[in-house]
Amino acid sequence: MIAVVEVAGRQYRVAQNDTIVVPTLHEKPGTKLQFQRILLLSDDKGTAVGNPVVQGARVEATVVGSLRGDKVAVFKKKKRKGYRLKRGHRQDYTEITITNIAK
């Protein structure tokens, strides 16, 4: 069974026992989560497409931990003015494992 779930404004295609990385959820490792915004649910019997969500469906997940993304260099420059600015940024993420997909 697969599902398309919306987490923190982004959509992810998930199946049971998948591990995905989502934007920071500010939860401790081991915390159990339930997501109610299921946009699509598919199994051997058929596919249910939400309008906008599938009623009664839920995805259960467990927080594995938090991590940080790759560094992104931010460079600003104004030509002929001697202005240069270099900064870096690393985005925080939460890693979760899908434990159950229920109708």
C-alpha atoms as a PDB file:
ATOM      1  CA  MET A   1       0.000   0.000   0.000  1.00  0.00           C
ATOM      2  CA  ILE A   2       1.286   3.458  -0.875  1.00  0.00           C
ATOM      3  CA  ALA A   3       0.061   6.904   0.038  1.00  0.00           C
ATOM      4  CA  VAL A   4       0.759  10.495  -0.873  1.00  0.00           C
ATOM      5  CA  VAL A   5       0.871  12.441   2.379  1.00  0.00           C
ATOM      6  CA  GLU A   6       1.242  16.172   2.997  1.00  0.00           C
ATOM      7  CA  VAL A   7       3.756  17.021   5.727  1.00  0.00           C
ATOM      8  CA  ALA A   8       4.639  20.638   6.543  1.00  0.00           C
ATOM      9  CA  GLY A   9       3.215  21.850   3.222  1.00  0.00           C
ATOM     10  CA  ARG A  10       5.108  19.346   1.066  1.00  0.00           C
ATOM     11  CA  GLN A  11       3.903  16.116  -0.525  1.00  0.00           C
ATOM     12  CA  TYR A  12       5.676  12.777  -0.130  1.00  0.00           C
ATOM     13  CA  ARG A  13       4.995   9.358  -1.661  1.00  0.00           C
ATOM     14  CA  VAL A  14       5.365   6.827   1.146  1.00  0.00           C
ATOM     15  CA  ALA A  15       4.983   3.112   1.802  1.00  0.00           C
ATOM     16  CA  GLN A  16       5.225   1.152   5.024  1.00  0.00           C
ATOM     17  CA  ASN A  17       8.753   1.030   6.539  1.00  0.00           C
ATOM     18  CA  ASP A  18       9.956   3.932   4.365  1.00  0.00           C
ATOM     19  CA  THR A  19      12.276   6.487   5.940  1.00  0.00           C
ATOM     20  CA  ILE A  20      11.835  10.047   4.682  1.00  0.00           C
ATOM     21  CA  VAL A  21      13.369  13.415   5.508  1.00  0.00           C
ATOM     22  CA  VAL A  22      10.895  16.252   6.107  1.00  0.00           C
ATOM     23  CA  PRO A  23      11.270  19.872   7.250  1.00  0.00           C
ATOM     24  CA  THR A  24      11.791  20.290  11.000  1.00  0.00           C
ATOM     25  CA  LEU A  25       8.875  19.066  13.131  1.00  0.00           C
ATOM     26  CA  HIS A  26      10.398  19.909  16.569  1.00  0.00           C
ATOM     27  CA  GLU A  27       9.678  16.439  17.987  1.00  0.00           C
ATOM     28  CA  LYS A  28      11.974  14.220  20.051  1.00  0.00           C
ATOM     29  CA  PRO A  29      13.288  10.904  18.675  1.00  0.00           C
ATOM     30  CA  GLY A  30      10.883   8.039  19.346  1.00  0.00           C
ATOM     31  CA  THR A  31       7.786  10.239  19.221  1.00  0.00           C
ATOM     32  CA  LYS A  32       4.860   8.704  17.351  1.00  0.00           C
ATOM     33  CA  LEU A  33       3.085  10.949  14.834  1.00  0.00           C
ATOM     34  CA  GLN A  34      -0.156  10.685  12.857  1.00  0.00           C
ATOM     35  CA  PHE A  35      -0.723  12.508   9.586  1.00  0.00           C
ATOM     36  CA  GLN A  36      -4.328  13.117   8.551  1.00  0.00           C
ATOM     37  CA  ARG A  37      -3.764  14.905   5.228  1.00  0.00           C
ATOM     38  CA  ILE A  38      -3.639  11.900   2.895  1.00  0.00           C
ATOM     39  CA  LEU A  39      -4.043  13.021  -0.712  1.00  0.00           C
ATOM     40  CA  LEU A  40      -3.918   9.597  -2.395  1.00  0.00           C
ATOM     41  CA  LEU A  41      -4.179   6.023  -1.150  1.00  0.00           C
ATOM     42  CA  SER A  42      -3.429   3.035  -3.364  1.00  0.00           C
ATOM     43  CA  ASP A  43      -3.339  -0.734  -2.805  1.00  0.00           C
ATOM     44  CA  ASP A  44      -4.116  -3.957  -4.692  1.00  0.00           C
ATOM     45  CA  LYS A  45      -7.873  -3.301  -4.541  1.00  0.00           C
ATOM     46  CA  GLY A  46      -7.750   0.156  -6.099  1.00  0.00           C
ATOM     47  CA  THR A  47      -6.863   3.782  -5.722  1.00  0.00           C
ATOM     48  CA  ALA A  48      -8.623   6.440  -3.655  1.00  0.00           C
ATOM     49  CA  VAL A  49      -7.962  10.029  -4.638  1.00  0.00           C
ATOM     50  CA  GLY A  50      -8.877  12.702  -2.111  1.00  0.00           C
ATOM     51  CA  ASN A  51     -10.932  15.769  -2.782  1.00  0.00           C
ATOM     52  CA  PRO A  52      -8.773  17.330  -1.281  1.00  0.00           C
ATOM     53  CA  VAL A  53      -8.054  14.526   1.266  1.00  0.00           C
ATOM     54  CA  VAL A  54      -9.082  10.873   1.611  1.00  0.00           C
ATOM     55  CA  GLN A  55     -11.614  10.695   4.460  1.00  0.00           C
ATOM     56  CA  GLY A  56     -10.712   8.377   7.343  1.00  0.00           C
ATOM     57  CA  ALA A  57      -7.200   7.604   6.097  1.00  0.00           C
ATOM     58  CA  ARG A  58      -4.130   8.172   8.248  1.00  0.00           C
ATOM     59  CA  VAL A  59      -0.404   7.540   8.158  1.00  0.00           C
ATOM     60  CA  GLU A  60       1.435   6.719  11.367  1.00  0.00           C
ATOM     61  CA  ALA A  61       5.138   7.478  11.719  1.00  0.00           C
ATOM     62  CA  THR A  62       7.929   7.481  14.283  1.00  0.00           C
ATOM     63  CA  VAL A  63      10.570  10.196  14.582  1.00  0.00           C
ATOM     64  CA  VAL A  64      14.061   8.758  14.044  1.00  0.00           C
ATOM     65  CA  GLY A  65      16.020  11.943  14.695  1.00  0.00           C
ATOM     66  CA  SER A  66      17.011  15.335  13.388  1.00  0.00           C
ATOM     67  CA  LEU A  67      19.715  16.213  10.898  1.00  0.00           C
ATOM     68  CA  ARG A  68      21.021  19.114   8.882  1.00  0.00           C
ATOM     69  CA  GLY A  69      21.176  19.498   5.131  1.00  0.00           C
ATOM     70  CA  ASP A  70      24.139  20.397   2.983  1.00  0.00           C
ATOM     71  CA  LYS A  71      25.604  23.870   3.242  1.00  0.00           C
ATOM     72  CA  VAL A  72      24.327  26.380   0.714  1.00  0.00           C
ATOM     73  CA  ALA A  73      26.623  29.308  -0.059  1.00  0.00           C
ATOM     74  CA  VAL A  74      24.933  32.722  -0.305  1.00  0.00           C
ATOM     75  CA  PHE A  75      27.085  35.282  -2.104  1.00  0.00           C
ATOM     76  CA  LYS A  76      26.147  38.910  -2.726  1.00  0.00           C
ATOM     77  CA  LYS A  77      28.168  41.365  -4.773  1.00  0.00           C
ATOM     78  CA  LYS A  78      27.750  44.834  -6.222  1.00  0.00           C
ATOM     79  CA  LYS A  79      29.973  45.472  -9.182  1.00  0.00           C
ATOM     80  CA  ARG A  80      32.458  48.327  -9.053  1.00  0.00           C
ATOM     81  CA  LYS A  81      31.549  49.148  -5.425  1.00  0.00           C
ATOM     82  CA  GLY A  82      33.833  46.775  -3.541  1.00  0.00           C
ATOM     83  CA  TYR A  83      30.858  45.165  -1.794  1.00  0.00           C
ATOM     84  CA  ARG A  84      31.078  41.410  -1.314  1.00  0.00           C
ATOM     85  CA  LEU A  85      29.286  39.276   1.259  1.00  0.00           C
ATOM     86  CA  LYS A  86      29.550  35.522   1.655  1.00  0.00           C
ATOM     87  CA  ARG A  87      27.312  33.636   4.048  1.00  0.00           C
ATOM     88  CA  GLY A  88      26.374  29.998   4.477  1.00  0.00           C
ATOM     89  CA  HIS A  89      23.138  28.291   5.429  1.00  0.00           C
ATOM     90  CA  ARG A  90      22.259  24.752   6.564  1.00  0.00           C
ATOM     91  CA  GLN A  91      18.599  23.736   6.757  1.00  0.00           C
ATOM     92  CA  ASP A  92      17.331  21.599   9.660  1.00  0.00           C
ATOM     93  CA  TYR A  93      15.352  18.435   8.860  1.00  0.00           C
ATOM     94  CA  THR A  94      13.574  15.646  10.745  1.00  0.00           C
ATOM     95  CA  GLU A  95      13.943  12.002   9.699  1.00  0.00           C
ATOM     96  CA  ILE A  96      10.814   9.878  10.154  1.00  0.00           C
ATOM     97  CA  THR A  97       9.941   6.226   9.498  1.00  0.00           C
ATOM     98  CA  ILE A  98       6.467   5.279   8.284  1.00  0.00           C
ATOM     99  CA  THR A  99       5.085   2.541  10.556  1.00  0.00           C
ATOM    100  CA  ASN A 100       1.523   2.097   9.313  1.00  0.00           C
ATOM    101  CA  ILE A 101      -0.866   3.238   6.576  1.00  0.00           C
ATOM    102  CA  ALA A 102      -4.527   2.801   7.531  1.00  0.00           C
ATOM    103  CA  LYS A 103      -7.796   3.422   5.687  1.00  0.00           C
END
